[in-house]
PDB file of N, CA and C in Angstrom:
ATOM      1  N   MET A   1      55.691 126.065 147.433  1.00  0.00           N
ATOM      2  CA  MET A   1      55.270 125.078 148.333  1.00  0.00           C
ATOM      3  C   MET A   1      53.719 125.079 148.432  1.00  0.00           C
ATOM      4  N   THR A   2      53.135 123.870 148.091  1.00  0.00           N
ATOM      5  CA  THR A   2      51.732 123.777 148.049  1.00  0.00           C
ATOM      6  C   THR A   2      51.272 123.218 149.450  1.00  0.00           C
ATOM      7  N   MET A   3      50.237 123.628 149.925  1.00  0.00           N
ATOM      8  CA  MET A   3      49.424 123.044 151.194  1.00  0.00           C
ATOM      9  C   MET A   3      48.590 121.939 150.866  1.00  0.00           C
ATOM     10  N   PRO A   4      48.501 120.736 151.542  1.00  0.00           N
ATOM     11  CA  PRO A   4      47.728 119.778 151.309  1.00  0.00           C
ATOM     12  C   PRO A   4      46.272 120.181 151.651  1.00  0.00           C
ATOM     13  N   THR A   5      45.278 119.610 150.868  1.00  0.00           N
ATOM     14  CA  THR A   5      44.027 119.954 151.328  1.00  0.00           C
ATOM     15  C   THR A   5      43.594 118.979 152.283  1.00  0.00           C
ATOM     16  N   ILE A   6      42.614 119.440 153.320  1.00  0.00           N
ATOM     17  CA  ILE A   6      42.256 118.463 154.386  1.00  0.00           C
ATOM     18  C   ILE A   6      40.878 118.186 154.398  1.00  0.00           C
ATOM     19  N   LYS A   7      40.629 116.863 154.636  1.00  0.00           N
ATOM     20  CA  LYS A   7      39.288 116.416 154.799  1.00  0.00           C
ATOM     21  C   LYS A   7      38.778 116.941 156.257  1.00  0.00           C
ATOM     22  N   GLN A   8      37.497 116.854 156.426  1.00  0.00           N
ATOM     23  CA  GLN A   8      36.996 117.156 157.716  1.00  0.00           C
ATOM     24  C   GLN A   8      37.629 116.988 158.937  1.00  0.00           C
ATOM     25  N   SER A   9      38.179 118.067 159.753  1.00  0.00           N
ATOM     26  CA  SER A   9      39.030 117.674 161.023  1.00  0.00           C
ATOM     27  C   SER A   9      38.584 118.486 162.055  1.00  0.00           C
ATOM     28  N   THR A  10      38.814 118.219 163.308  1.00  0.00           N
ATOM     29  CA  THR A  10      38.343 119.011 164.296  1.00  0.00           C
ATOM     30  C   THR A  10      39.552 119.895 164.740  1.00  0.00           C
ATOM     31  N   ILE A  11      40.695 119.455 164.143  1.00  0.00           N
ATOM     32  CA  ILE A  11      41.968 120.477 164.347  1.00  0.00           C
ATOM     33  C   ILE A  11      41.814 121.559 163.346  1.00  0.00           C
ATOM     34  N   MET A  12      41.691 122.753 163.825  1.00  0.00           N
ATOM     35  CA  MET A  12      41.729 123.971 162.985  1.00  0.00           C
ATOM     36  C   MET A  12      43.143 124.783 162.868  1.00  0.00           C
ATOM     37  N   HIS A  13      43.733 124.910 164.046  1.00  0.00           N
ATOM     38  CA  HIS A  13      44.984 125.632 164.021  1.00  0.00           C
ATOM     39  C   HIS A  13      46.060 124.835 164.870  1.00  0.00           C
ATOM     40  N   VAL A  14      47.302 125.147 164.703  1.00  0.00           N
ATOM     41  CA  VAL A  14      48.373 124.714 165.444  1.00  0.00           C
ATOM     42  C   VAL A  14      49.038 125.878 166.058  1.00  0.00           C
ATOM     43  N   SER A  15      49.417 125.735 167.208  1.00  0.00           N
ATOM     44  CA  SER A  15      50.092 126.892 167.951  1.00  0.00           C
ATOM     45  C   SER A  15      51.572 126.274 168.028  1.00  0.00           C
ATOM     46  N   VAL A  16      52.484 127.104 167.441  1.00  0.00           N
ATOM     47  CA  VAL A  16      53.922 126.721 167.377  1.00  0.00           C
ATOM     48  C   VAL A  16      54.650 127.565 168.375  1.00  0.00           C
ATOM     49  N   LYS A  17      55.401 126.954 169.341  1.00  0.00           N
ATOM     50  CA  LYS A  17      56.037 127.838 170.258  1.00  0.00           C
ATOM     51  C   LYS A  17      57.467 128.402 169.404  1.00  0.00           C
ATOM     52  N   MET A  18      57.530 129.843 169.589  1.00  0.00           N
ATOM     53  CA  MET A  18      58.720 130.367 169.013  1.00  0.00           C
ATOM     54  C   MET A  18      59.582 131.053 170.033  1.00  0.00           C
ATOM     55  N   SER A  19      60.691 131.534 169.877  1.00  0.00           N
ATOM     56  CA  SER A  19      61.437 132.155 170.864  1.00  0.00           C
ATOM     57  C   SER A  19      60.669 133.270 171.631  1.00  0.00           C
ATOM     58  N   ASN A  20      59.879 133.982 170.842  1.00  0.00           N
ATOM     59  CA  ASN A  20      59.311 135.245 171.544  1.00  0.00           C
ATOM     60  C   ASN A  20      57.748 134.960 171.845  1.00  0.00           C
ATOM     61  N   GLY A  21      57.380 133.797 171.853  1.00  0.00           N
ATOM     62  CA  GLY A  21      55.955 133.492 172.071  1.00  0.00           C
ATOM     63  C   GLY A  21      55.355 132.298 171.293  1.00  0.00           C
ATOM     64  N   TYR A  22      54.322 132.437 170.901  1.00  0.00           N
ATOM     65  CA  TYR A  22      53.567 131.481 169.975  1.00  0.00           C
ATOM     66  C   TYR A  22      53.022 131.905 168.535  1.00  0.00           C
ATOM     67  N   ASN A  23      53.060 131.218 167.742  1.00  0.00           N
ATOM     68  CA  ASN A  23      52.659 131.490 166.408  1.00  0.00           C
ATOM     69  C   ASN A  23      51.473 130.659 166.035  1.00  0.00           C
ATOM     70  N   LEU A  24      50.201 131.215 165.691  1.00  0.00           N
ATOM     71  CA  LEU A  24      49.136 130.409 165.464  1.00  0.00           C
ATOM     72  C   LEU A  24      49.023 130.246 163.971  1.00  0.00           C
ATOM     73  N   ILE A  25      48.882 129.040 163.501  1.00  0.00           N
ATOM     74  CA  ILE A  25      49.019 128.810 161.862  1.00  0.00           C
ATOM     75  C   ILE A  25      47.815 127.780 161.593  1.00  0.00           C
ATOM     76  N   PRO A  26      47.268 127.803 160.491  1.00  0.00           N
ATOM     77  CA  PRO A  26      46.319 126.878 160.044  1.00  0.00           C
ATOM     78  C   PRO A  26      46.800 125.409 159.968  1.00  0.00           C
ATOM     79  N   LEU A  27      45.977 124.540 160.099  1.00  0.00           N
ATOM     80  CA  LEU A  27      46.540 122.956 160.043  1.00  0.00           C
ATOM     81  C   LEU A  27      47.267 122.715 158.771  1.00  0.00           C
ATOM     82  N   GLN A  28      46.701 123.339 157.683  1.00  0.00           N
ATOM     83  CA  GLN A  28      47.241 123.098 156.322  1.00  0.00           C
ATOM     84  C   GLN A  28      48.591 123.604 156.337  1.00  0.00           C
ATOM     85  N   GLU A  29      48.987 124.696 156.741  1.00  0.00           N
ATOM     86  CA  GLU A  29      50.302 125.207 156.886  1.00  0.00           C
ATOM     87  C   GLU A  29      51.353 124.261 157.537  1.00  0.00           C
ATOM     88  N   PHE A  30      50.912 123.856 158.829  1.00  0.00           N
ATOM     89  CA  PHE A  30      51.507 123.011 159.552  1.00  0.00           C
ATOM     90  C   PHE A  30      51.970 121.781 158.898  1.00  0.00           C
ATOM     91  N   LEU A  31      51.052 121.183 158.018  1.00  0.00           N
ATOM     92  CA  LEU A  31      51.211 120.008 157.413  1.00  0.00           C
ATOM     93  C   LEU A  31      52.116 120.089 156.209  1.00  0.00           C
ATOM     94  N   SER A  32      52.253 121.435 155.749  1.00  0.00           N
ATOM     95  CA  SER A  32      53.110 121.696 154.681  1.00  0.00           C
ATOM     96  C   SER A  32      54.679 121.701 155.045  1.00  0.00           C
ATOM     97  N   TYR A  33      54.978 121.697 156.182  1.00  0.00           N
ATOM     98  CA  TYR A  33      56.230 121.670 157.047  1.00  0.00           C
ATOM     99  C   TYR A  33      56.765 120.214 156.522  1.00  0.00           C
ATOM    100  N   SER A  34      58.020 120.166 156.589  1.00  0.00           N
ATOM    101  CA  SER A  34      58.747 118.766 156.245  1.00  0.00           C
ATOM    102  C   SER A  34      58.307 117.807 157.434  1.00  0.00           C
ATOM    103  N   VAL A  35      58.354 116.485 157.223  1.00  0.00           N
ATOM    104  CA  VAL A  35      58.128 115.625 158.168  1.00  0.00           C
ATOM    105  C   VAL A  35      59.224 115.754 159.408  1.00  0.00           C
ATOM    106  N   THR A  36      60.414 116.042 159.037  1.00  0.00           N
ATOM    107  CA  THR A  36      61.342 116.220 159.986  1.00  0.00           C
ATOM    108  C   THR A  36      61.093 117.468 160.843  1.00  0.00           C
ATOM    109  N   LYS A  37      60.692 118.552 160.213  1.00  0.00           N
ATOM    110  CA  LYS A  37      60.444 119.706 161.140  1.00  0.00           C
ATOM    111  C   LYS A  37      59.253 119.432 161.968  1.00  0.00           C
ATOM    112  N   ARG A  38      58.078 118.782 161.515  1.00  0.00           N
ATOM    113  CA  ARG A  38      56.922 118.486 162.282  1.00  0.00           C
ATOM    114  C   ARG A  38      57.366 117.506 163.515  1.00  0.00           C
ATOM    115  N   ASN A  39      57.979 116.603 163.154  1.00  0.00           N
ATOM    116  CA  ASN A  39      58.465 115.607 164.186  1.00  0.00           C
ATOM    117  C   ASN A  39      59.324 116.275 165.258  1.00  0.00           C
ATOM    118  N   TYR A  40      60.269 117.182 164.759  1.00  0.00           N
ATOM    119  CA  TYR A  40      61.177 117.884 165.815  1.00  0.00           C
ATOM    120  C   TYR A  40      60.386 118.629 166.631  1.00  0.00           C
ATOM    121  N   LEU A  41      59.242 119.587 166.155  1.00  0.00           N
ATOM    122  CA  LEU A  41      58.507 120.330 166.945  1.00  0.00           C
ATOM    123  C   LEU A  41      57.501 119.630 167.941  1.00  0.00           C
ATOM    124  N   LEU A  42      57.213 118.289 167.516  1.00  0.00           N
ATOM    125  CA  LEU A  42      56.324 117.411 168.391  1.00  0.00           C
ATOM    126  C   LEU A  42      57.227 116.929 169.550  1.00  0.00           C
ATOM    127  N   LEU A  43      58.374 116.350 169.117  1.00  0.00           N
ATOM    128  CA  LEU A  43      59.318 115.827 170.053  1.00  0.00           C
ATOM    129  C   LEU A  43      59.828 116.852 171.273  1.00  0.00           C
ATOM    130  N   GLN A  44      59.905 118.151 170.846  1.00  0.00           N
ATOM    131  CA  GLN A  44      60.370 119.227 171.669  1.00  0.00           C
ATOM    132  C   GLN A  44      59.124 119.890 172.425  1.00  0.00           C
ATOM    133  N   ASN A  45      57.885 119.136 172.186  1.00  0.00           N
ATOM    134  CA  ASN A  45      56.750 119.772 172.871  1.00  0.00           C
ATOM    135  C   ASN A  45      56.475 121.205 172.543  1.00  0.00           C
ATOM    136  N   GLN A  46      56.742 121.599 171.340  1.00  0.00           N
ATOM    137  CA  GLN A  46      56.496 122.906 170.846  1.00  0.00           C
ATOM    138  C   GLN A  46      55.379 123.347 170.137  1.00  0.00           C
ATOM    139  N   VAL A  47      54.372 122.352 170.013  1.00  0.00           N
ATOM    140  CA  VAL A  47      53.086 122.613 169.321  1.00  0.00           C
ATOM    141  C   VAL A  47      51.907 122.161 170.192  1.00  0.00           C
ATOM    142  N   LYS A  48      50.784 122.872 170.030  1.00  0.00           N
ATOM    143  CA  LYS A  48      49.504 122.544 170.601  1.00  0.00           C
ATOM    144  C   LYS A  48      48.521 122.792 169.426  1.00  0.00           C
ATOM    145  N   PHE A  49      47.559 121.668 169.564  1.00  0.00           N
ATOM    146  CA  PHE A  49      46.441 121.666 168.483  1.00  0.00           C
ATOM    147  C   PHE A  49      45.195 122.271 168.964  1.00  0.00           C
ATOM    148  N   LEU A  50      44.678 123.122 168.232  1.00  0.00           N
ATOM    149  CA  LEU A  50      43.453 123.766 168.599  1.00  0.00           C
ATOM    150  C   LEU A  50      42.172 123.472 167.753  1.00  0.00           C
ATOM    151  N   ASP A  51      41.092 123.523 168.355  1.00  0.00           N
ATOM    152  CA  ASP A  51      39.803 123.346 167.458  1.00  0.00           C
ATOM    153  C   ASP A  51      39.252 124.706 167.005  1.00  0.00           C
ATOM    154  N   ALA A  52      38.113 124.607 166.434  1.00  0.00           N
ATOM    155  CA  ALA A  52      37.610 125.911 165.866  1.00  0.00           C
ATOM    156  C   ALA A  52      37.392 127.117 166.897  1.00  0.00           C
ATOM    157  N   GLU A  53      37.030 126.444 168.194  1.00  0.00           N
ATOM    158  CA  GLU A  53      36.646 127.397 169.331  1.00  0.00           C
ATOM    159  C   GLU A  53      37.932 127.961 170.119  1.00  0.00           C
ATOM    160  N   GLY A  54      38.924 127.402 169.747  1.00  0.00           N
ATOM    161  CA  GLY A  54      40.308 127.692 170.206  1.00  0.00           C
ATOM    162  C   GLY A  54      40.679 126.782 171.390  1.00  0.00           C
ATOM    163  N   ASN A  55      39.937 125.764 171.763  1.00  0.00           N
ATOM    164  CA  ASN A  55      40.236 124.705 172.790  1.00  0.00           C
ATOM    165  C   ASN A  55      41.282 123.878 172.399  1.00  0.00           C
ATOM    166  N   ILE A  56      42.199 123.601 173.352  1.00  0.00           N
ATOM    167  CA  ILE A  56      43.278 122.689 173.084  1.00  0.00           C
ATOM    168  C   ILE A  56      42.779 121.205 172.902  1.00  0.00           C
ATOM    169  N   ILE A  57      43.369 120.586 171.880  1.00  0.00           N
ATOM    170  CA  ILE A  57      43.041 119.192 171.587  1.00  0.00           C
ATOM    171  C   ILE A  57      44.227 118.446 172.307  1.00  0.00           C
ATOM    172  N   PRO A  58      44.005 117.473 173.080  1.00  0.00           N
ATOM    173  CA  PRO A  58      45.157 116.711 173.518  1.00  0.00           C
ATOM    174  C   PRO A  58      46.109 116.058 172.330  1.00  0.00           C
ATOM    175  N   THR A  59      47.356 116.233 172.580  1.00  0.00           N
ATOM    176  CA  THR A  59      48.231 115.890 171.545  1.00  0.00           C
ATOM    177  C   THR A  59      48.021 114.485 171.012  1.00  0.00           C
ATOM    178  N   ASN A  60      47.834 113.369 171.946  1.00  0.00           N
ATOM    179  CA  ASN A  60      47.588 112.174 171.580  1.00  0.00           C
ATOM    180  C   ASN A  60      46.347 111.926 170.595  1.00  0.00           C
ATOM    181  N   LYS A  61      45.387 112.456 170.855  1.00  0.00           N
ATOM    182  CA  LYS A  61      43.968 112.626 170.061  1.00  0.00           C
ATOM    183  C   LYS A  61      44.385 113.278 168.724  1.00  0.00           C
ATOM    184  N   ALA A  62      44.947 114.483 168.741  1.00  0.00           N
ATOM    185  CA  ALA A  62      45.357 115.097 167.591  1.00  0.00           C
ATOM    186  C   ALA A  62      46.245 114.381 166.632  1.00  0.00           C
ATOM    187  N   LEU A  63      47.139 113.771 167.153  1.00  0.00           N
ATOM    188  CA  LEU A  63      48.049 112.821 166.304  1.00  0.00           C
ATOM    189  C   LEU A  63      47.336 111.722 165.671  1.00  0.00           C
ATOM    190  N   LYS A  64      46.427 111.068 166.506  1.00  0.00           N
ATOM    191  CA  LYS A  64      45.513 110.010 165.901  1.00  0.00           C
ATOM    192  C   LYS A  64      44.753 110.490 164.768  1.00  0.00           C
ATOM    193  N   GLU A  65      44.185 111.710 164.783  1.00  0.00           N
ATOM    194  CA  GLU A  65      43.421 112.270 163.802  1.00  0.00           C
ATOM    195  C   GLU A  65      44.270 112.731 162.522  1.00  0.00           C
ATOM    196  N   LEU A  66      45.339 113.193 162.882  1.00  0.00           N
ATOM    197  CA  LEU A  66      46.457 113.581 161.747  1.00  0.00           C
ATOM    198  C   LEU A  66      46.775 112.357 160.844  1.00  0.00           C
ATOM    199  N   VAL A  67      47.092 111.135 161.662  1.00  0.00           N
ATOM    200  CA  VAL A  67      47.394 110.036 161.086  1.00  0.00           C
ATOM    201  C   VAL A  67      46.345 109.418 160.003  1.00  0.00           C
ATOM    202  N   GLU A  68      45.145 109.580 160.421  1.00  0.00           N
ATOM    203  CA  GLU A  68      44.015 109.158 159.646  1.00  0.00           C
ATOM    204  C   GLU A  68      43.805 110.082 158.361  1.00  0.00           C
ATOM    205  N   LEU A  69      43.949 111.453 158.690  1.00  0.00           N
ATOM    206  CA  LEU A  69      43.838 112.281 157.572  1.00  0.00           C
ATOM    207  C   LEU A  69      44.784 112.014 156.522  1.00  0.00           C
ATOM    208  N   LEU A  70      46.072 111.952 156.848  1.00  0.00           N
ATOM    209  CA  LEU A  70      47.088 111.739 155.998  1.00  0.00           C
ATOM    210  C   LEU A  70      47.013 110.337 155.343  1.00  0.00           C
ATOM    211  N   LYS A  71      46.458 109.463 156.057  1.00  0.00           N
ATOM    212  CA  LYS A  71      46.249 108.071 155.270  1.00  0.00           C
ATOM    213  C   LYS A  71      45.362 108.288 154.204  1.00  0.00           C
ATOM    214  N   ASP A  72      44.234 109.048 154.456  1.00  0.00           N
ATOM    215  CA  ASP A  72      43.200 109.257 153.445  1.00  0.00           C
ATOM    216  C   ASP A  72      43.740 109.884 152.284  1.00  0.00           C
ATOM    217  N   GLN A  73      44.689 110.814 152.320  1.00  0.00           N
ATOM    218  CA  GLN A  73      45.329 111.478 151.211  1.00  0.00           C
ATOM    219  C   GLN A  73      46.222 110.546 150.301  1.00  0.00           C
ATOM    220  N   ASN A  74      46.674 109.388 150.907  1.00  0.00           N
ATOM    221  CA  ASN A  74      47.540 108.653 150.122  1.00  0.00           C
ATOM    222  C   ASN A  74      46.890 107.394 149.438  1.00  0.00           C
TER     223      ASN A  74
END
């Protein structure tokens, strides 16, 4: 599985809720998940987006940024 390359983004990591806590992963790894899995995690409110300093980015702002990033890739 290859991870997509990302243009400049304020989103650096994604915190994914697991049964025993949270798993912090790079944005590229999150984007390598299937669309179905990403949507499920988002709809279940199991992800938080973080910037380089570890600050939480509001989900609506992060999703707008992700849409723009993914549009630029296609």
